[in-house]
């Protein structure tokens, strides 16, 4: 779909819409501002829920501005067919016809990609604030006015460094996940970080295994191993198991410490690490949206390219 709107006959209408959105003033005092949040994933997915909570809390608790938030979910983890974008386009077009938004928030890469292709057709030049964007590059936004937001980068090196402080005897890092581009990109970052440490640290990848097979492999680990949780794993039928369900099973049966890169699994048997925070991503994105609602030009809000990661640990696991 890239670069080609699904309905060419909308050109004239969209030109008028673009002019309308350009000239529209920010919500004035006493008015209710509307924000549309388009999400890549689905409710019940821990990462998505963390972002949603932070968005809603930050946007609706501002003392100076009344904000009404609308949420839409692309559900791309469970429904990965790109053709569904056309149905999603139609859904948004009909549901929000004639409704004006001050800001659109895009959470994660699929939602941002959808808006880069179709925002102008659906919402004119309404400002977009993105959060949770992996592999952010300014080139993504070339020729796309009124976009800003928060990038997401995992800090594997810092997590390895802190893991080795807790477990100096470590000789091998074990990881597992689906055979996805994200998994192999993070695996490459992990291998690079291991080389940077200069300790001869081995990286052992269990790519493509379903959860029962992963558990079998984990039972064989030695005291010089640690596990780094990088991606959810599927069940025997290939259905993705959310982190919130698989992590407690993994940490309960794994004989060595498990570290992670995302805060949504903290409290489920993970030791910790320097973690990407869903709540921080959502909070910062919502604060940027509030500035735009109050009249700030999106072009004056630089993208936050330094991912707001935090060191977080489970003290119960540290005491084991």
C-alpha atoms as a PDB file:
ATOM      1  CA  UNK A   1       0.000   0.000   0.000  1.00  0.00           C
ATOM      2  CA  UNK A   2       2.954   2.363   0.454  1.00  0.00           C
ATOM      3  CA  UNK A   3       2.556   5.684  -1.287  1.00  0.00           C
ATOM      4  CA  UNK A   4      -0.773   4.845  -2.951  1.00  0.00           C
ATOM      5  CA  UNK A   5      -4.085   5.884  -1.365  1.00  0.00           C
ATOM      6  CA  UNK A   6      -6.778   3.250  -1.618  1.00  0.00           C
ATOM      7  CA  UNK A   7      -9.377   5.477  -3.185  1.00  0.00           C
ATOM      8  CA  UNK A   8      -8.152   7.874  -5.867  1.00  0.00           C
ATOM      9  CA  UNK A   9     -11.560   9.486  -6.147  1.00  0.00           C
ATOM     10  CA  UNK A  10     -11.059  11.164  -2.779  1.00  0.00           C
ATOM     11  CA  UNK A  11      -8.366  13.552  -4.046  1.00  0.00           C
ATOM     12  CA  UNK A  12     -10.502  16.690  -4.231  1.00  0.00           C
ATOM     13  CA  UNK A  13     -12.220  16.028  -0.925  1.00  0.00           C
ATOM     14  CA  UNK A  14      -8.898  15.395   0.809  1.00  0.00           C
ATOM     15  CA  UNK A  15      -7.438  18.619  -0.558  1.00  0.00           C
ATOM     16  CA  UNK A  16     -10.298  20.517   1.064  1.00  0.00           C
ATOM     17  CA  UNK A  17      -9.863  18.559   4.276  1.00  0.00           C
ATOM     18  CA  UNK A  18      -6.160  19.367   4.366  1.00  0.00           C
ATOM     19  CA  UNK A  19      -6.944  23.080   4.056  1.00  0.00           C
ATOM     20  CA  UNK A  20      -9.463  22.780   6.889  1.00  0.00           C
ATOM     21  CA  UNK A  21      -7.005  21.074   9.227  1.00  0.00           C
ATOM     22  CA  UNK A  22      -4.283  23.578   8.391  1.00  0.00           C
ATOM     23  CA  UNK A  23      -6.473  26.541   9.290  1.00  0.00           C
ATOM     24  CA  UNK A  24      -8.156  25.011  12.310  1.00  0.00           C
ATOM     25  CA  UNK A  25      -7.195  26.666  15.603  1.00  0.00           C
ATOM     26  CA  UNK A  26      -6.284  24.740  18.752  1.00  0.00           C
ATOM     27  CA  UNK A  27      -9.050  23.971  21.224  1.00  0.00           C
ATOM     28  CA  UNK A  28      -9.853  27.096  23.171  1.00  0.00           C
ATOM     29  CA  UNK A  29     -10.369  27.512  26.887  1.00  0.00           C
ATOM     30  CA  UNK A  30     -13.442  25.671  28.106  1.00  0.00           C
ATOM     31  CA  UNK A  31     -13.610  23.453  25.030  1.00  0.00           C
ATOM     32  CA  UNK A  32     -13.004  19.720  24.986  1.00  0.00           C
ATOM     33  CA  UNK A  33     -10.072  18.607  22.868  1.00  0.00           C
ATOM     34  CA  UNK A  34     -10.321  15.278  21.095  1.00  0.00           C
ATOM     35  CA  UNK A  35      -7.374  12.907  20.734  1.00  0.00           C
ATOM     36  CA  UNK A  36      -7.431   9.757  18.604  1.00  0.00           C
ATOM     37  CA  UNK A  37      -4.979   7.048  19.688  1.00  0.00           C
ATOM     38  CA  UNK A  38      -4.254   4.431  17.012  1.00  0.00           C
ATOM     39  CA  UNK A  39      -2.516   1.370  18.434  1.00  0.00           C
ATOM     40  CA  UNK A  40      -0.600  -1.366  16.666  1.00  0.00           C
ATOM     41  CA  UNK A  41      -1.628  -4.109  19.085  1.00  0.00           C
ATOM     42  CA  UNK A  42      -4.657  -5.165  21.145  1.00  0.00           C
ATOM     43  CA  UNK A  43      -6.098  -4.563  24.618  1.00  0.00           C
ATOM     44  CA  UNK A  44      -4.861  -7.196  27.048  1.00  0.00           C
ATOM     45  CA  UNK A  45      -1.339  -7.189  25.590  1.00  0.00           C
ATOM     46  CA  UNK A  46       0.796  -5.988  28.520  1.00  0.00           C
ATOM     47  CA  UNK A  47       2.899  -3.507  26.518  1.00  0.00           C
ATOM     48  CA  UNK A  48      -0.195  -2.011  24.912  1.00  0.00           C
ATOM     49  CA  UNK A  49      -2.022  -1.758  28.223  1.00  0.00           C
ATOM     50  CA  UNK A  50       0.944   0.052  29.797  1.00  0.00           C
ATOM     51  CA  UNK A  51       0.942   2.667  27.050  1.00  0.00           C
ATOM     52  CA  UNK A  52      -2.844   3.043  27.175  1.00  0.00           C
ATOM     53  CA  UNK A  53      -2.902   3.652  30.930  1.00  0.00           C
ATOM     54  CA  UNK A  54      -0.164   6.283  30.723  1.00  0.00           C
ATOM     55  CA  UNK A  55      -1.865   8.056  27.811  1.00  0.00           C
ATOM     56  CA  UNK A  56      -5.242   8.187  29.525  1.00  0.00           C
ATOM     57  CA  UNK A  57      -3.860   9.257  32.905  1.00  0.00           C
ATOM     58  CA  UNK A  58      -1.675  12.017  31.485  1.00  0.00           C
ATOM     59  CA  UNK A  59      -4.197  13.365  28.970  1.00  0.00           C
ATOM     60  CA  UNK A  60      -7.243  13.382  31.239  1.00  0.00           C
ATOM     61  CA  UNK A  61      -5.620  14.636  34.450  1.00  0.00           C
ATOM     62  CA  UNK A  62      -4.300  17.906  33.047  1.00  0.00           C
ATOM     63  CA  UNK A  63      -5.876  20.698  35.102  1.00  0.00           C
ATOM     64  CA  UNK A  64      -5.888  23.220  32.252  1.00  0.00           C
ATOM     65  CA  UNK A  65      -7.367  21.136  29.418  1.00  0.00           C
ATOM     66  CA  UNK A  66     -10.350  18.829  29.011  1.00  0.00           C
ATOM     67  CA  UNK A  67      -9.427  15.937  26.721  1.00  0.00           C
ATOM     68  CA  UNK A  68     -11.585  13.167  25.295  1.00  0.00           C
ATOM     69  CA  UNK A  69      -9.568  10.161  24.115  1.00  0.00           C
ATOM     70  CA  UNK A  70     -10.687   7.706  21.423  1.00  0.00           C
ATOM     71  CA  UNK A  71      -8.791   4.407  21.084  1.00  0.00           C
ATOM     72  CA  UNK A  72      -8.502   2.237  17.961  1.00  0.00           C
ATOM     73  CA  UNK A  73      -6.544  -1.047  17.766  1.00  0.00           C
ATOM     74  CA  UNK A  74      -4.993  -2.546  14.627  1.00  0.00           C
ATOM     75  CA  UNK A  75      -4.375  -5.901  16.397  1.00  0.00           C
ATOM     76  CA  UNK A  76      -1.373  -6.713  14.185  1.00  0.00           C
ATOM     77  CA  UNK A  77       0.136  -9.352  16.482  1.00  0.00           C
ATOM     78  CA  UNK A  78      -2.927 -11.574  16.144  1.00  0.00           C
ATOM     79  CA  UNK A  79      -4.111 -10.433  12.697  1.00  0.00           C
ATOM     80  CA  UNK A  80      -1.023  -9.841  10.584  1.00  0.00           C
ATOM     81  CA  UNK A  81      -2.624  -9.738   7.100  1.00  0.00           C
ATOM     82  CA  UNK A  82      -1.633  -6.387   5.474  1.00  0.00           C
ATOM     83  CA  UNK A  83      -4.872  -6.454   3.480  1.00  0.00           C
ATOM     84  CA  UNK A  84      -6.711  -5.692   6.728  1.00  0.00           C
ATOM     85  CA  UNK A  85      -5.351  -2.148   6.515  1.00  0.00           C
ATOM     86  CA  UNK A  86      -7.995  -1.413   3.877  1.00  0.00           C
ATOM     87  CA  UNK A  87     -10.738  -2.522   6.277  1.00  0.00           C
ATOM     88  CA  UNK A  88      -9.172  -0.436   9.028  1.00  0.00           C
ATOM     89  CA  UNK A  89      -9.073   2.567   6.670  1.00  0.00           C
ATOM     90  CA  UNK A  90     -12.778   2.136   5.902  1.00  0.00           C
ATOM     91  CA  UNK A  91     -13.598   1.736   9.584  1.00  0.00           C
ATOM     92  CA  UNK A  92     -11.863   4.987  10.519  1.00  0.00           C
ATOM     93  CA  UNK A  93     -13.294   6.867   7.539  1.00  0.00           C
ATOM     94  CA  UNK A  94     -16.899   6.002   8.430  1.00  0.00           C
ATOM     95  CA  UNK A  95     -16.653   6.117  12.211  1.00  0.00           C
ATOM     96  CA  UNK A  96     -14.960   9.501  12.440  1.00  0.00           C
ATOM     97  CA  UNK A  97     -16.457  11.262   9.426  1.00  0.00           C
ATOM     98  CA  UNK A  98     -16.865  14.925  10.327  1.00  0.00           C
ATOM     99  CA  UNK A  99     -15.177  14.568  13.708  1.00  0.00           C
ATOM    100  CA  UNK A 100     -12.199  16.848  14.334  1.00  0.00           C
ATOM    101  CA  UNK A 101      -9.160  15.725  16.350  1.00  0.00           C
ATOM    102  CA  UNK A 102      -6.556  18.079  17.747  1.00  0.00           C
ATOM    103  CA  UNK A 103      -3.905  15.328  17.844  1.00  0.00           C
ATOM    104  CA  UNK A 104      -3.511  11.718  16.738  1.00  0.00           C
ATOM    105  CA  UNK A 105      -1.260   9.415  18.759  1.00  0.00           C
ATOM    106  CA  UNK A 106       0.334   6.398  17.059  1.00  0.00           C
ATOM    107  CA  UNK A 107       1.672   3.660  19.296  1.00  0.00           C
ATOM    108  CA  UNK A 108       4.326   1.380  17.785  1.00  0.00           C
ATOM    109  CA  UNK A 109       5.586   0.965  14.250  1.00  0.00           C
ATOM    110  CA  UNK A 110       2.568  -0.480  12.467  1.00  0.00           C
ATOM    111  CA  UNK A 111       0.315   2.373  13.558  1.00  0.00           C
ATOM    112  CA  UNK A 112       2.884   4.972  12.517  1.00  0.00           C
ATOM    113  CA  UNK A 113       3.362   3.290   9.142  1.00  0.00           C
ATOM    114  CA  UNK A 114      -0.411   3.291   8.594  1.00  0.00           C
ATOM    115  CA  UNK A 115      -0.639   7.011   9.337  1.00  0.00           C
ATOM    116  CA  UNK A 116       2.352   7.893   7.182  1.00  0.00           C
ATOM    117  CA  UNK A 117       0.479   6.301   4.294  1.00  0.00           C
ATOM    118  CA  UNK A 118      -3.081   7.399   5.023  1.00  0.00           C
ATOM    119  CA  UNK A 119      -3.246  10.253   7.543  1.00  0.00           C
ATOM    120  CA  UNK A 120      -3.689  12.957   4.917  1.00  0.00           C
ATOM    121  CA  UNK A 121      -6.592  11.058   3.339  1.00  0.00           C
ATOM    122  CA  UNK A 122      -8.384  10.439   6.620  1.00  0.00           C
ATOM    123  CA  UNK A 123      -7.499  13.378   8.860  1.00  0.00           C
ATOM    124  CA  UNK A 124      -5.813  16.023   6.719  1.00  0.00           C
ATOM    125  CA  UNK A 125      -2.743  17.490   8.398  1.00  0.00           C
ATOM    126  CA  UNK A 126      -3.777  16.727  11.967  1.00  0.00           C
ATOM    127  CA  UNK A 127      -0.579  16.562  14.081  1.00  0.00           C
ATOM    128  CA  UNK A 128       0.667  13.078  14.947  1.00  0.00           C
ATOM    129  CA  UNK A 129       2.632  12.136  18.067  1.00  0.00           C
ATOM    130  CA  UNK A 130       4.170   8.651  17.963  1.00  0.00           C
ATOM    131  CA  UNK A 131       5.449   6.459  20.797  1.00  0.00           C
ATOM    132  CA  UNK A 132       7.235   3.110  20.945  1.00  0.00           C
ATOM    133  CA  UNK A 133       8.897   3.398  17.539  1.00  0.00           C
ATOM    134  CA  UNK A 134      11.693   0.889  17.012  1.00  0.00           C
ATOM    135  CA  UNK A 135      14.637   1.725  14.748  1.00  0.00           C
ATOM    136  CA  UNK A 136      13.572   5.345  14.435  1.00  0.00           C
ATOM    137  CA  UNK A 137      15.282   7.264  11.645  1.00  0.00           C
ATOM    138  CA  UNK A 138      14.519  10.899  10.736  1.00  0.00           C
ATOM    139  CA  UNK A 139      14.227   9.780   7.107  1.00  0.00           C
ATOM    140  CA  UNK A 140      10.922   8.134   8.088  1.00  0.00           C
ATOM    141  CA  UNK A 141       9.355  11.595   8.331  1.00  0.00           C
ATOM    142  CA  UNK A 142      10.701  13.181   5.147  1.00  0.00           C
ATOM    143  CA  UNK A 143       7.887  15.042   3.391  1.00  0.00           C
ATOM    144  CA  UNK A 144       5.551  14.358   6.330  1.00  0.00           C
ATOM    145  CA  UNK A 145       4.663  17.571   8.201  1.00  0.00           C
ATOM    146  CA  UNK A 146       3.414  17.721  11.795  1.00  0.00           C
ATOM    147  CA  UNK A 147       4.905  14.465  13.057  1.00  0.00           C
ATOM    148  CA  UNK A 148       6.884  14.152  16.288  1.00  0.00           C
ATOM    149  CA  UNK A 149       7.156  11.688  19.142  1.00  0.00           C
ATOM    150  CA  UNK A 150       9.252   9.284  21.187  1.00  0.00           C
ATOM    151  CA  UNK A 151      11.660   6.680  19.824  1.00  0.00           C
ATOM    152  CA  UNK A 152      12.199   3.280  21.417  1.00  0.00           C
ATOM    153  CA  UNK A 153      15.574   1.573  21.643  1.00  0.00           C
ATOM    154  CA  UNK A 154      16.472  -1.415  23.768  1.00  0.00           C
ATOM    155  CA  UNK A 155      19.693  -1.017  25.768  1.00  0.00           C
ATOM    156  CA  UNK A 156      21.141  -4.496  25.577  1.00  0.00           C
ATOM    157  CA  UNK A 157      24.680  -3.481  26.496  1.00  0.00           C
ATOM    158  CA  UNK A 158      23.608  -1.782  29.739  1.00  0.00           C
ATOM    159  CA  UNK A 159      21.410  -4.760  30.642  1.00  0.00           C
ATOM    160  CA  UNK A 160      24.279  -7.193  30.046  1.00  0.00           C
ATOM    161  CA  UNK A 161      26.624  -5.064  32.116  1.00  0.00           C
ATOM    162  CA  UNK A 162      24.297  -5.021  35.099  1.00  0.00           C
ATOM    163  CA  UNK A 163      23.553  -8.743  34.703  1.00  0.00           C
ATOM    164  CA  UNK A 164      27.271  -9.512  34.871  1.00  0.00           C
ATOM    165  CA  UNK A 165      27.598  -7.464  38.050  1.00  0.00           C
ATOM    166  CA  UNK A 166      25.012  -9.704  39.659  1.00  0.00           C
ATOM    167  CA  UNK A 167      26.341 -12.884  37.996  1.00  0.00           C
ATOM    168  CA  UNK A 168      30.090 -12.424  37.340  1.00  0.00           C
ATOM    169  CA  UNK A 169      30.462 -16.152  36.685  1.00  0.00           C
ATOM    170  CA  UNK A 170      28.316 -15.873  33.534  1.00  0.00           C
ATOM    171  CA  UNK A 171      29.801 -17.369  30.388  1.00  0.00           C
ATOM    172  CA  UNK A 172      26.744 -17.661  28.139  1.00  0.00           C
ATOM    173  CA  UNK A 173      23.570 -15.673  27.388  1.00  0.00           C
ATOM    174  CA  UNK A 174      20.581 -17.687  26.154  1.00  0.00           C
ATOM    175  CA  UNK A 175      17.807 -16.046  24.118  1.00  0.00           C
ATOM    176  CA  UNK A 176      14.744 -17.312  22.278  1.00  0.00           C
ATOM    177  CA  UNK A 177      11.894 -16.018  20.149  1.00  0.00           C
ATOM    178  CA  UNK A 178      10.088 -16.253  16.837  1.00  0.00           C
ATOM    179  CA  UNK A 179      12.008 -15.955  13.587  1.00  0.00           C
ATOM    180  CA  UNK A 180      11.049 -12.320  13.041  1.00  0.00           C
ATOM    181  CA  UNK A 181      12.996  -9.339  11.757  1.00  0.00           C
ATOM    182  CA  UNK A 182      12.790  -7.775  15.211  1.00  0.00           C
ATOM    183  CA  UNK A 183      14.187 -10.886  16.881  1.00  0.00           C
ATOM    184  CA  UNK A 184      17.168 -11.150  14.556  1.00  0.00           C
ATOM    185  CA  UNK A 185      17.831  -7.394  14.764  1.00  0.00           C
ATOM    186  CA  UNK A 186      17.939  -7.629  18.562  1.00  0.00           C
ATOM    187  CA  UNK A 187      20.042 -10.788  18.340  1.00  0.00           C
ATOM    188  CA  UNK A 188      22.584  -8.888  16.269  1.00  0.00           C
ATOM    189  CA  UNK A 189      22.623  -6.104  18.877  1.00  0.00           C
ATOM    190  CA  UNK A 190      23.130  -8.686  21.613  1.00  0.00           C
ATOM    191  CA  UNK A 191      26.056 -10.295  19.794  1.00  0.00           C
ATOM    192  CA  UNK A 192      27.625  -6.867  19.267  1.00  0.00           C
ATOM    193  CA  UNK A 193      27.193  -6.012  22.960  1.00  0.00           C
ATOM    194  CA  UNK A 194      28.758  -9.327  23.984  1.00  0.00           C
ATOM    195  CA  UNK A 195      31.812  -8.549  21.829  1.00  0.00           C
ATOM    196  CA  UNK A 196      32.070  -5.054  23.312  1.00  0.00           C
ATOM    197  CA  UNK A 197      32.362  -6.502  26.798  1.00  0.00           C
ATOM    198  CA  UNK A 198      35.490  -8.382  25.755  1.00  0.00           C
ATOM    199  CA  UNK A 199      34.888 -11.321  28.084  1.00  0.00           C
ATOM    200  CA  UNK A 200      34.385 -14.065  25.522  1.00  0.00           C
ATOM    201  CA  UNK A 201      30.684 -14.133  26.354  1.00  0.00           C
ATOM    202  CA  UNK A 202      28.803 -16.658  24.200  1.00  0.00           C
ATOM    203  CA  UNK A 203      25.331 -15.968  22.798  1.00  0.00           C
ATOM    204  CA  UNK A 204      23.106 -19.020  22.330  1.00  0.00           C
ATOM    205  CA  UNK A 205      19.960 -18.485  20.243  1.00  0.00           C
ATOM    206  CA  UNK A 206      16.941 -20.796  20.377  1.00  0.00           C
ATOM    207  CA  UNK A 207      15.056 -19.177  17.494  1.00  0.00           C
ATOM    208  CA  UNK A 208      11.803 -20.631  16.226  1.00  0.00           C
ATOM    209  CA  UNK A 209      10.997 -22.954  19.146  1.00  0.00           C
ATOM    210  CA  UNK A 210       7.545 -23.152  20.695  1.00  0.00           C
ATOM    211  CA  UNK A 211       7.177 -22.754  24.455  1.00  0.00           C
ATOM    212  CA  UNK A 212       7.292 -26.458  25.471  1.00  0.00           C
ATOM    213  CA  UNK A 213      10.561 -26.893  23.553  1.00  0.00           C
ATOM    214  CA  UNK A 214      11.978 -23.705  25.044  1.00  0.00           C
ATOM    215  CA  UNK A 215      11.200 -25.023  28.523  1.00  0.00           C
ATOM    216  CA  UNK A 216      12.955 -28.290  27.738  1.00  0.00           C
ATOM    217  CA  UNK A 217      16.074 -26.376  26.698  1.00  0.00           C
ATOM    218  CA  UNK A 218      15.977 -24.103  29.723  1.00  0.00           C
ATOM    219  CA  UNK A 219      15.949 -27.043  32.122  1.00  0.00           C
ATOM    220  CA  UNK A 220      19.405 -28.041  30.834  1.00  0.00           C
ATOM    221  CA  UNK A 221      21.098 -24.698  31.600  1.00  0.00           C
ATOM    222  CA  UNK A 222      24.127 -24.509  33.883  1.00  0.00           C
ATOM    223  CA  UNK A 223      25.012 -22.014  36.664  1.00  0.00           C
ATOM    224  CA  UNK A 224      27.255 -20.093  34.219  1.00  0.00           C
ATOM    225  CA  UNK A 225      24.247 -19.279  31.994  1.00  0.00           C
ATOM    226  CA  UNK A 226      21.734 -16.440  32.145  1.00  0.00           C
ATOM    227  CA  UNK A 227      18.594 -15.894  30.062  1.00  0.00           C
ATOM    228  CA  UNK A 228      17.696 -12.636  28.340  1.00  0.00           C
ATOM    229  CA  UNK A 229      14.004 -12.403  27.494  1.00  0.00           C
ATOM    230  CA  UNK A 230      13.739 -10.685  24.095  1.00  0.00           C
ATOM    231  CA  UNK A 231      10.470 -11.733  22.470  1.00  0.00           C
ATOM    232  CA  UNK A 232       7.252 -13.674  23.157  1.00  0.00           C
ATOM    233  CA  UNK A 233       7.164 -17.291  22.033  1.00  0.00           C
ATOM    234  CA  UNK A 234       4.334 -19.253  20.376  1.00  0.00           C
ATOM    235  CA  UNK A 235       2.508 -22.314  21.632  1.00  0.00           C
ATOM    236  CA  UNK A 236       2.625 -25.672  19.829  1.00  0.00           C
ATOM    237  CA  UNK A 237       0.012 -24.481  17.318  1.00  0.00           C
ATOM    238  CA  UNK A 238       2.013 -21.368  16.470  1.00  0.00           C
ATOM    239  CA  UNK A 239      -0.246 -18.963  18.369  1.00  0.00           C
ATOM    240  CA  UNK A 240       1.666 -16.170  20.084  1.00  0.00           C
ATOM    241  CA  UNK A 241       1.648 -16.351  23.891  1.00  0.00           C
ATOM    242  CA  UNK A 242       1.722 -12.871  25.482  1.00  0.00           C
ATOM    243  CA  UNK A 243       4.645 -12.022  27.750  1.00  0.00           C
ATOM    244  CA  UNK A 244       2.223 -11.719  30.658  1.00  0.00           C
ATOM    245  CA  UNK A 245       1.308 -15.413  30.330  1.00  0.00           C
ATOM    246  CA  UNK A 246       4.583 -16.999  29.241  1.00  0.00           C
ATOM    247  CA  UNK A 247       7.026 -15.152  31.512  1.00  0.00           C
ATOM    248  CA  UNK A 248       5.824 -16.625  34.846  1.00  0.00           C
ATOM    249  CA  UNK A 249       6.031 -20.129  33.374  1.00  0.00           C
ATOM    250  CA  UNK A 250       9.534 -19.516  32.038  1.00  0.00           C
ATOM    251  CA  UNK A 251      10.906 -17.956  35.209  1.00  0.00           C
ATOM    252  CA  UNK A 252       9.349 -20.616  37.457  1.00  0.00           C
ATOM    253  CA  UNK A 253      10.987 -23.499  35.577  1.00  0.00           C
ATOM    254  CA  UNK A 254      14.253 -21.820  34.559  1.00  0.00           C
ATOM    255  CA  UNK A 255      17.156 -22.767  36.886  1.00  0.00           C
ATOM    256  CA  UNK A 256      19.137 -19.555  36.188  1.00  0.00           C
ATOM    257  CA  UNK A 257      18.308 -15.813  36.454  1.00  0.00           C
ATOM    258  CA  UNK A 258      16.197 -14.258  33.695  1.00  0.00           C
ATOM    259  CA  UNK A 259      16.729 -10.631  32.641  1.00  0.00           C
ATOM    260  CA  UNK A 260      14.641  -8.555  30.254  1.00  0.00           C
ATOM    261  CA  UNK A 261      14.495  -5.352  28.190  1.00  0.00           C
ATOM    262  CA  UNK A 262      10.868  -4.327  28.879  1.00  0.00           C
ATOM    263  CA  UNK A 263       9.222  -3.290  32.118  1.00  0.00           C
ATOM    264  CA  UNK A 264       5.929  -5.050  31.396  1.00  0.00           C
ATOM    265  CA  UNK A 265       7.374  -8.377  32.612  1.00  0.00           C
ATOM    266  CA  UNK A 266       8.717  -7.047  35.906  1.00  0.00           C
ATOM    267  CA  UNK A 267       7.057  -8.795  38.839  1.00  0.00           C
ATOM    268  CA  UNK A 268       6.744 -12.064  36.914  1.00  0.00           C
ATOM    269  CA  UNK A 269      10.019 -13.650  38.038  1.00  0.00           C
ATOM    270  CA  UNK A 270      12.374 -11.413  36.027  1.00  0.00           C
ATOM    271  CA  UNK A 271      15.461 -10.070  37.838  1.00  0.00           C
ATOM    272  CA  UNK A 272      15.404  -6.789  35.896  1.00  0.00           C
ATOM    273  CA  UNK A 273      17.636  -4.795  33.558  1.00  0.00           C
ATOM    274  CA  UNK A 274      17.733  -1.417  31.851  1.00  0.00           C
ATOM    275  CA  UNK A 275      14.206  -1.558  30.554  1.00  0.00           C
ATOM    276  CA  UNK A 276      12.103   0.132  27.925  1.00  0.00           C
ATOM    277  CA  UNK A 277       9.167   1.531  29.857  1.00  0.00           C
ATOM    278  CA  UNK A 278       5.704   1.396  28.294  1.00  0.00           C
ATOM    279  CA  UNK A 279       4.431   3.882  30.864  1.00  0.00           C
ATOM    280  CA  UNK A 280       7.250   6.362  30.171  1.00  0.00           C
ATOM    281  CA  UNK A 281       6.677   6.101  26.424  1.00  0.00           C
ATOM    282  CA  UNK A 282       2.972   6.798  26.905  1.00  0.00           C
ATOM    283  CA  UNK A 283       3.501   9.593  29.416  1.00  0.00           C
ATOM    284  CA  UNK A 284       6.014  11.494  27.286  1.00  0.00           C
ATOM    285  CA  UNK A 285       3.871  11.112  24.165  1.00  0.00           C
ATOM    286  CA  UNK A 286       0.790  12.377  26.008  1.00  0.00           C
ATOM    287  CA  UNK A 287       2.706  15.380  27.348  1.00  0.00           C
ATOM    288  CA  UNK A 288       3.753  16.277  23.794  1.00  0.00           C
ATOM    289  CA  UNK A 289       0.140  15.929  22.656  1.00  0.00           C
ATOM    290  CA  UNK A 290      -0.995  18.296  25.434  1.00  0.00           C
ATOM    291  CA  UNK A 291       1.522  20.905  24.318  1.00  0.00           C
ATOM    292  CA  UNK A 292       0.113  20.733  20.778  1.00  0.00           C
ATOM    293  CA  UNK A 293      -3.456  20.993  22.092  1.00  0.00           C
ATOM    294  CA  UNK A 294      -2.438  24.162  23.947  1.00  0.00           C
ATOM    295  CA  UNK A 295      -1.152  25.708  20.723  1.00  0.00           C
ATOM    296  CA  UNK A 296       2.456  24.553  20.373  1.00  0.00           C
ATOM    297  CA  UNK A 297       3.603  24.072  16.779  1.00  0.00           C
ATOM    298  CA  UNK A 298       4.463  20.355  16.300  1.00  0.00           C
ATOM    299  CA  UNK A 299       7.490  21.424  14.226  1.00  0.00           C
ATOM    300  CA  UNK A 300       8.946  23.039  17.363  1.00  0.00           C
ATOM    301  CA  UNK A 301       8.768  19.750  19.298  1.00  0.00           C
ATOM    302  CA  UNK A 302      11.830  17.653  18.413  1.00  0.00           C
ATOM    303  CA  UNK A 303      11.547  13.877  18.367  1.00  0.00           C
ATOM    304  CA  UNK A 304      12.775  12.379  21.640  1.00  0.00           C
ATOM    305  CA  UNK A 305      15.367  10.081  20.085  1.00  0.00           C
ATOM    306  CA  UNK A 306      16.905   8.981  23.401  1.00  0.00           C
ATOM    307  CA  UNK A 307      14.611   6.159  24.517  1.00  0.00           C
ATOM    308  CA  UNK A 308      13.436   6.832  28.109  1.00  0.00           C
ATOM    309  CA  UNK A 309      14.733   3.533  29.520  1.00  0.00           C
ATOM    310  CA  UNK A 310      15.148   2.939  33.258  1.00  0.00           C
ATOM    311  CA  UNK A 311      17.035   0.506  35.473  1.00  0.00           C
ATOM    312  CA  UNK A 312      14.362  -1.572  37.173  1.00  0.00           C
ATOM    313  CA  UNK A 313      14.702  -4.657  39.378  1.00  0.00           C
ATOM    314  CA  UNK A 314      12.596  -7.074  41.367  1.00  0.00           C
ATOM    315  CA  UNK A 315      14.061  -7.044  44.886  1.00  0.00           C
ATOM    316  CA  UNK A 316      12.553 -10.456  45.637  1.00  0.00           C
ATOM    317  CA  UNK A 317      14.517 -11.938  42.734  1.00  0.00           C
ATOM    318  CA  UNK A 318      17.710 -10.119  43.729  1.00  0.00           C
ATOM    319  CA  UNK A 319      17.490 -11.687  47.185  1.00  0.00           C
ATOM    320  CA  UNK A 320      17.309 -15.248  45.837  1.00  0.00           C
END
